[in-house]
N, C-alpha and C. Protein backbone atom coordinates (compact mmCIF):
# COMPACT_ATOMS: atom_id res chain seq x y z
N MET A 1 23.68 -46.25 -16.17
CA MET A 1 22.61 -46.51 -15.77
C MET A 1 22.04 -45.11 -14.63
N GLU A 2 23.03 -44.55 -14.98
CA GLU A 2 22.86 -43.00 -13.83
C GLU A 2 22.21 -41.84 -14.89
N SER A 3 22.26 -42.06 -16.45
CA SER A 3 21.66 -41.33 -16.98
C SER A 3 20.18 -41.80 -17.43
N ARG A 4 19.94 -42.66 -17.07
CA ARG A 4 18.69 -43.35 -17.04
C ARG A 4 17.72 -42.83 -15.87
N VAL A 5 18.24 -42.33 -15.00
CA VAL A 5 17.82 -41.89 -13.57
C VAL A 5 17.30 -40.43 -13.45
N LYS A 6 18.17 -39.93 -14.62
CA LYS A 6 18.65 -38.21 -14.60
C LYS A 6 17.21 -38.21 -15.64
N ARG A 7 16.98 -38.57 -16.45
CA ARG A 7 15.92 -38.08 -17.69
C ARG A 7 14.53 -37.88 -17.64
N PRO A 8 14.24 -38.83 -16.62
CA PRO A 8 12.86 -39.11 -15.61
C PRO A 8 12.75 -37.61 -14.80
N MET A 9 14.01 -37.20 -13.70
CA MET A 9 13.68 -36.24 -13.33
C MET A 9 14.06 -35.38 -14.12
N ARG A 10 14.69 -34.70 -14.97
CA ARG A 10 14.50 -33.50 -15.56
C ARG A 10 13.17 -33.50 -16.31
N LEU A 11 12.47 -34.60 -16.87
CA LEU A 11 11.54 -34.23 -17.47
C LEU A 11 10.08 -34.36 -16.58
N VAL A 12 10.40 -34.61 -14.79
CA VAL A 12 9.22 -34.02 -13.53
C VAL A 12 9.47 -32.33 -13.30
N ALA A 13 10.72 -32.57 -13.75
CA ALA A 13 11.39 -30.52 -13.66
C ALA A 13 10.59 -29.85 -14.75
N VAL A 14 11.21 -30.68 -15.32
CA VAL A 14 10.30 -29.43 -17.09
C VAL A 14 8.91 -29.36 -16.53
N VAL A 15 8.15 -30.16 -15.83
CA VAL A 15 7.35 -30.45 -15.85
C VAL A 15 6.10 -29.36 -14.77
N LEU A 16 7.10 -29.41 -13.85
CA LEU A 16 6.89 -28.62 -12.59
C LEU A 16 6.73 -27.58 -12.65
N LEU A 17 8.28 -26.93 -13.46
CA LEU A 17 8.56 -25.67 -13.77
C LEU A 17 7.21 -24.80 -14.72
N CYS A 18 6.70 -25.74 -15.77
CA CYS A 18 5.92 -25.38 -16.22
C CYS A 18 4.71 -24.84 -15.49
N LEU A 19 4.17 -25.76 -14.91
CA LEU A 19 2.98 -25.96 -14.10
C LEU A 19 3.01 -24.02 -13.31
N LEU A 20 4.18 -24.29 -12.58
CA LEU A 20 4.85 -23.38 -11.71
C LEU A 20 4.33 -22.30 -12.61
N ALA A 21 4.94 -21.81 -13.72
CA ALA A 21 4.71 -21.10 -14.48
C ALA A 21 3.67 -20.42 -14.94
N SER A 22 2.81 -21.21 -15.35
CA SER A 22 1.64 -21.08 -16.00
C SER A 22 0.86 -20.25 -14.53
N MET A 23 0.53 -21.36 -13.36
CA MET A 23 0.09 -20.93 -12.27
C MET A 23 0.37 -19.42 -11.38
N GLY A 24 2.04 -18.69 -12.33
CA GLY A 24 1.78 -17.45 -12.21
C GLY A 24 1.71 -16.57 -13.21
N ILE A 25 1.30 -16.36 -13.80
CA ILE A 25 0.67 -16.27 -15.13
C ILE A 25 -0.68 -15.82 -14.64
N SER A 26 -1.29 -17.07 -14.37
CA SER A 26 -3.23 -16.45 -14.38
C SER A 26 -3.19 -15.97 -13.50
N CYS A 27 -2.14 -15.89 -12.05
CA CYS A 27 -2.57 -15.24 -11.15
C CYS A 27 -2.37 -14.04 -10.97
N SER A 28 -1.57 -13.31 -11.97
CA SER A 28 -0.53 -12.35 -12.32
C SER A 28 -2.03 -11.40 -13.07
N ALA A 29 -2.14 -12.29 -13.83
CA ALA A 29 -3.50 -11.74 -14.51
C ALA A 29 -4.65 -11.38 -14.07
N PHE A 30 -4.88 -11.98 -13.49
CA PHE A 30 -6.20 -12.24 -12.26
C PHE A 30 -6.14 -10.67 -11.55
N LEU A 31 -4.75 -10.81 -10.66
CA LEU A 31 -4.66 -10.29 -9.61
C LEU A 31 -3.40 -8.64 -10.20
N GLY A 32 -3.14 -8.71 -11.41
CA GLY A 32 -2.14 -7.36 -11.88
C GLY A 32 -2.67 -6.07 -11.68
N GLY A 33 -4.45 -5.73 -11.65
CA GLY A 33 -4.34 -4.17 -11.51
C GLY A 33 -4.33 -3.84 -12.54
N PRO A 34 -4.66 -2.44 -13.03
CA PRO A 34 -4.74 -1.31 -13.83
C PRO A 34 -3.42 -1.48 -14.81
N SER A 35 -3.62 -1.80 -15.84
CA SER A 35 -2.51 -1.31 -16.73
C SER A 35 -2.25 0.10 -17.05
N ASP A 36 -0.72 0.25 -17.51
CA ASP A 36 -0.02 1.81 -17.66
C ASP A 36 -1.43 2.76 -18.35
N GLU A 37 -1.62 1.96 -19.63
CA GLU A 37 -2.30 3.32 -19.87
C GLU A 37 -3.67 3.67 -19.78
N GLU A 38 -4.36 2.12 -18.70
CA GLU A 38 -5.64 2.82 -17.97
C GLU A 38 -5.24 4.28 -16.80
N ILE A 39 -4.11 3.33 -15.77
CA ILE A 39 -3.69 4.37 -14.82
C ILE A 39 -3.91 6.22 -15.24
N LEU A 40 -2.91 6.25 -16.48
CA LEU A 40 -2.93 7.39 -17.34
C LEU A 40 -4.07 8.11 -17.67
N LYS A 41 -5.40 7.26 -17.89
CA LYS A 41 -6.69 7.74 -17.90
C LYS A 41 -7.35 8.40 -16.97
N ALA A 42 -7.28 7.33 -15.32
CA ALA A 42 -7.95 7.43 -14.58
C ALA A 42 -7.34 8.90 -14.13
N ILE A 43 -6.00 9.36 -14.77
CA ILE A 43 -5.45 10.11 -13.78
C ILE A 43 -5.91 11.04 -14.68
N ASP A 44 -5.82 11.58 -15.94
CA ASP A 44 -6.40 12.35 -16.93
C ASP A 44 -7.56 12.51 -16.42
N ASP A 45 -8.36 11.25 -16.45
CA ASP A 45 -9.86 11.72 -16.55
C ASP A 45 -10.30 12.15 -15.24
N SER A 46 -9.43 11.88 -13.89
CA SER A 46 -9.37 12.64 -12.76
C SER A 46 -9.23 14.43 -12.48
N GLY A 47 -8.70 14.96 -13.30
CA GLY A 47 -8.88 16.36 -13.66
C GLY A 47 -8.44 17.06 -12.23
N ILE A 48 -7.62 15.91 -11.80
CA ILE A 48 -6.61 16.79 -10.78
C ILE A 48 -5.58 17.37 -10.95
N LEU A 49 -5.12 16.86 -12.12
CA LEU A 49 -3.82 17.83 -12.56
C LEU A 49 -4.33 19.29 -13.93
N LYS A 50 -5.90 19.03 -13.90
CA LYS A 50 -5.88 20.27 -14.75
C LYS A 50 -6.06 21.18 -14.03
N SER A 51 -5.59 22.49 -14.32
CA SER A 51 -5.80 23.61 -13.34
C SER A 51 -5.39 25.11 -14.18
N PRO A 52 -5.77 26.18 -14.34
CA PRO A 52 -5.33 27.08 -14.54
C PRO A 52 -4.08 27.75 -14.35
N GLY A 53 -3.64 27.37 -12.67
CA GLY A 53 -2.90 28.10 -12.62
C GLY A 53 -1.49 27.54 -12.72
N PHE A 54 -1.52 26.22 -13.18
CA PHE A 54 -0.39 25.07 -13.97
C PHE A 54 -0.34 24.59 -15.03
N THR A 55 0.47 24.03 -15.99
CA THR A 55 0.29 23.54 -16.97
C THR A 55 0.99 22.34 -17.12
N LEU A 56 1.11 21.11 -17.65
CA LEU A 56 2.06 20.21 -17.76
C LEU A 56 3.34 20.03 -18.50
N THR A 57 4.41 20.03 -18.34
CA THR A 57 5.66 20.23 -19.25
C THR A 57 5.99 19.33 -19.89
N ALA A 58 5.59 17.91 -19.65
CA ALA A 58 5.79 16.61 -20.15
C ALA A 58 5.00 15.34 -19.71
N PRO A 59 5.20 14.45 -20.49
CA PRO A 59 3.93 13.25 -19.84
C PRO A 59 4.31 12.95 -18.60
N ILE A 60 3.27 11.96 -18.16
CA ILE A 60 3.33 11.93 -16.87
C ILE A 60 3.87 10.80 -16.76
N ILE A 61 4.84 9.98 -15.91
CA ILE A 61 5.75 8.99 -16.01
C ILE A 61 5.40 8.49 -14.68
N ILE A 62 4.92 7.11 -14.83
CA ILE A 62 4.81 5.66 -13.85
C ILE A 62 6.18 5.49 -12.95
N LEU A 63 6.03 6.07 -11.86
CA LEU A 63 7.85 5.37 -11.04
C LEU A 63 7.77 3.89 -10.52
N ASP A 64 6.49 4.21 -10.08
CA ASP A 64 6.18 2.63 -8.92
C ASP A 64 4.52 2.55 -9.02
N LYS A 65 4.45 0.99 -9.32
CA LYS A 65 3.17 0.65 -9.24
C LYS A 65 2.99 -0.56 -7.90
N GLY A 66 2.35 -0.12 -6.74
CA GLY A 66 2.47 -0.55 -5.87
C GLY A 66 1.45 -1.88 -5.61
N SER A 67 1.22 -2.65 -4.56
CA SER A 67 -0.20 -3.20 -4.30
C SER A 67 -0.78 -3.06 -3.92
N LYS A 68 -1.83 -3.57 -3.78
CA LYS A 68 -2.84 -3.23 -3.80
C LYS A 68 -3.29 -3.28 -2.34
N ASP A 69 -3.77 -2.21 -2.21
CA ASP A 69 -3.38 -1.88 -0.33
C ASP A 69 -5.13 -2.23 0.16
N ALA A 70 -5.86 -2.41 1.67
CA ALA A 70 -6.93 -3.18 2.30
C ALA A 70 -8.14 -2.76 1.47
N ASN A 71 -8.13 -1.38 1.08
CA ASN A 71 -9.28 -0.42 0.62
C ASN A 71 -9.42 -0.89 -0.57
N GLY A 72 -9.06 -1.97 -1.25
CA GLY A 72 -9.30 -2.23 -2.93
C GLY A 72 -8.08 -1.09 -3.85
N ALA A 73 -7.86 -0.44 -3.12
CA ALA A 73 -7.01 0.57 -4.43
C ALA A 73 -5.60 -0.01 -4.69
N TRP A 74 -5.39 0.45 -5.66
CA TRP A 74 -3.45 0.66 -6.24
C TRP A 74 -3.03 1.59 -6.10
N GLN A 75 -1.69 1.65 -5.23
CA GLN A 75 -1.16 3.06 -5.25
C GLN A 75 0.13 2.87 -6.14
N VAL A 76 0.02 4.11 -6.91
CA VAL A 76 0.70 4.02 -7.91
C VAL A 76 1.13 5.79 -8.13
N LYS A 77 3.08 5.72 -7.76
CA LYS A 77 3.64 6.92 -7.71
C LYS A 77 4.04 7.42 -9.24
N VAL A 78 3.51 8.51 -9.42
CA VAL A 78 4.22 9.16 -10.81
C VAL A 78 5.05 10.63 -11.16
N ARG A 79 5.41 10.54 -11.72
CA ARG A 79 6.69 11.91 -12.00
C ARG A 79 5.70 12.77 -12.45
N VAL A 80 5.81 14.31 -12.25
CA VAL A 80 4.75 14.72 -13.42
C VAL A 80 5.42 15.93 -13.21
N SER A 81 5.86 16.79 -14.19
CA SER A 81 6.70 18.21 -14.82
C SER A 81 5.61 18.94 -15.37
N MET A 82 5.72 20.00 -14.14
CA MET A 82 4.93 21.24 -15.01
C MET A 82 5.33 22.74 -14.83
N LYS A 83 4.72 23.61 -15.16
CA LYS A 83 5.34 25.04 -14.64
C LYS A 83 3.98 25.89 -14.37
N SER A 84 4.77 26.88 -12.88
CA SER A 84 3.49 27.38 -12.53
C SER A 84 3.54 29.01 -12.69
N THR A 85 2.49 29.31 -12.85
CA THR A 85 2.67 30.81 -12.84
C THR A 85 2.24 31.75 -11.40
N MET A 86 3.11 32.46 -10.79
CA MET A 86 2.42 32.84 -9.80
C MET A 86 1.98 34.38 -9.69
N PRO A 87 1.33 34.66 -8.89
CA PRO A 87 0.51 35.98 -8.97
C PRO A 87 1.26 36.85 -9.25
N ASP A 88 2.80 37.30 -9.22
CA ASP A 88 3.13 37.97 -10.03
C ASP A 88 3.86 37.70 -10.98
N GLY A 89 3.27 37.10 -11.63
CA GLY A 89 3.20 36.48 -13.16
C GLY A 89 4.83 35.56 -13.21
N GLN A 90 6.12 35.64 -12.37
CA GLN A 90 6.67 34.39 -12.42
C GLN A 90 6.46 33.36 -12.90
N VAL A 91 7.23 33.06 -13.91
CA VAL A 91 7.07 31.14 -14.02
C VAL A 91 8.26 30.64 -13.16
N LYS A 92 7.66 29.25 -12.74
CA LYS A 92 8.04 28.63 -12.18
C LYS A 92 8.34 26.64 -12.65
N GLN A 93 9.20 26.77 -12.86
CA GLN A 93 9.35 24.64 -13.42
C GLN A 93 9.76 24.19 -12.33
N MET A 94 9.14 23.00 -11.98
CA MET A 94 8.52 22.43 -10.51
C MET A 94 8.23 20.84 -10.96
N GLU A 95 8.83 19.93 -10.01
CA GLU A 95 9.04 18.63 -10.60
C GLU A 95 8.14 17.59 -9.70
N THR A 96 7.54 16.91 -9.24
CA THR A 96 6.59 16.24 -8.17
C THR A 96 6.56 14.71 -8.34
N THR A 97 6.38 14.19 -7.87
CA THR A 97 6.11 12.57 -7.23
C THR A 97 4.66 12.33 -6.68
N PRO A 98 3.73 12.52 -7.04
CA PRO A 98 2.30 12.45 -5.95
C PRO A 98 2.26 10.81 -6.06
N LEU A 99 1.37 10.35 -5.17
CA LEU A 99 1.25 8.97 -4.96
C LEU A 99 -0.55 9.12 -5.20
N PHE A 100 -0.94 8.50 -6.35
CA PHE A 100 -2.11 8.57 -6.74
C PHE A 100 -2.65 6.88 -6.18
N LYS A 101 -4.20 6.95 -5.88
CA LYS A 101 -4.69 5.37 -5.44
C LYS A 101 -5.85 5.28 -6.80
N ILE A 102 -5.12 4.33 -7.18
CA ILE A 102 -6.52 4.21 -8.49
C ILE A 102 -7.61 2.71 -7.70
N THR A 103 -8.54 2.99 -7.87
CA THR A 103 -9.59 2.15 -7.57
C THR A 103 -10.70 1.75 -8.81
N ALA A 104 -11.16 0.53 -8.87
CA ALA A 104 -11.74 0.03 -9.80
C ALA A 104 -12.92 -0.29 -9.59
N LEU A 105 -14.38 0.31 -10.68
CA LEU A 105 -14.90 1.32 -10.29
C LEU A 105 -15.92 0.63 -11.61
N LYS A 106 -17.23 0.30 -11.41
CA LYS A 106 -18.87 -0.30 -12.47
C LYS A 106 -19.33 0.72 -12.47
N ASP A 107 -19.24 1.43 -14.22
CA ASP A 107 -20.07 2.04 -14.88
C ASP A 107 -21.70 1.90 -14.68
N GLY A 108 -22.22 2.92 -15.60
CA GLY A 108 -23.49 2.63 -15.28
C GLY A 108 -23.94 1.14 -16.31
N GLN A 109 -23.40 0.90 -17.37
CA GLN A 109 -23.65 -0.25 -18.29
C GLN A 109 -22.64 -1.36 -17.43
N GLY A 110 -22.00 -1.52 -16.25
CA GLY A 110 -21.51 -2.41 -15.99
C GLY A 110 -19.72 -3.07 -16.36
N LYS A 111 -19.32 -2.11 -16.84
CA LYS A 111 -18.10 -1.82 -17.26
C LYS A 111 -17.17 -1.38 -16.49
N THR A 112 -15.46 -2.13 -16.50
CA THR A 112 -15.29 -1.49 -15.10
C THR A 112 -14.35 -0.47 -15.24
N VAL A 113 -14.39 0.55 -14.80
CA VAL A 113 -13.23 1.72 -14.92
C VAL A 113 -12.43 2.26 -14.16
N TRP A 114 -11.63 2.71 -14.01
CA TRP A 114 -10.54 3.20 -13.24
C TRP A 114 -10.87 4.71 -12.68
N LYS A 115 -10.42 4.59 -11.39
CA LYS A 115 -10.74 6.48 -10.97
C LYS A 115 -9.43 6.19 -9.99
N ALA A 116 -8.99 7.84 -10.27
CA ALA A 116 -7.38 8.01 -9.89
C ALA A 116 -8.19 8.80 -8.49
N ARG A 117 -7.37 9.57 -7.68
CA ARG A 117 -7.43 9.88 -6.46
C ARG A 117 -5.93 9.96 -5.59
N LEU A 118 -5.93 11.14 -4.84
CA LEU A 118 -4.77 11.39 -4.31
C LEU A 118 -4.60 11.00 -2.87
């Protein structure tokens, strides 16, 4: 008799788990923010890391994708490795971890584009 009670409870538990999982997936897809590729493209398109004074020596690495702030921007911390040429000609290797704010905007055709700023 105990097994007859356990089967319906297991079924109810499985159905609830599936419902909660599907809600979680749909919410994360809706609220998920930019993908890694969109973040890297936004940073590259911003021109912030393009300067005659330094050169990137490794690909940008995404360290942390934060939550959406009150202004609607996603905070993303990245690692940037670069070499900089000093005025005296000395070359210095540097690594920094700036925090970018990635914001969704609409372009002229109404398509969503991601913009990066420090």
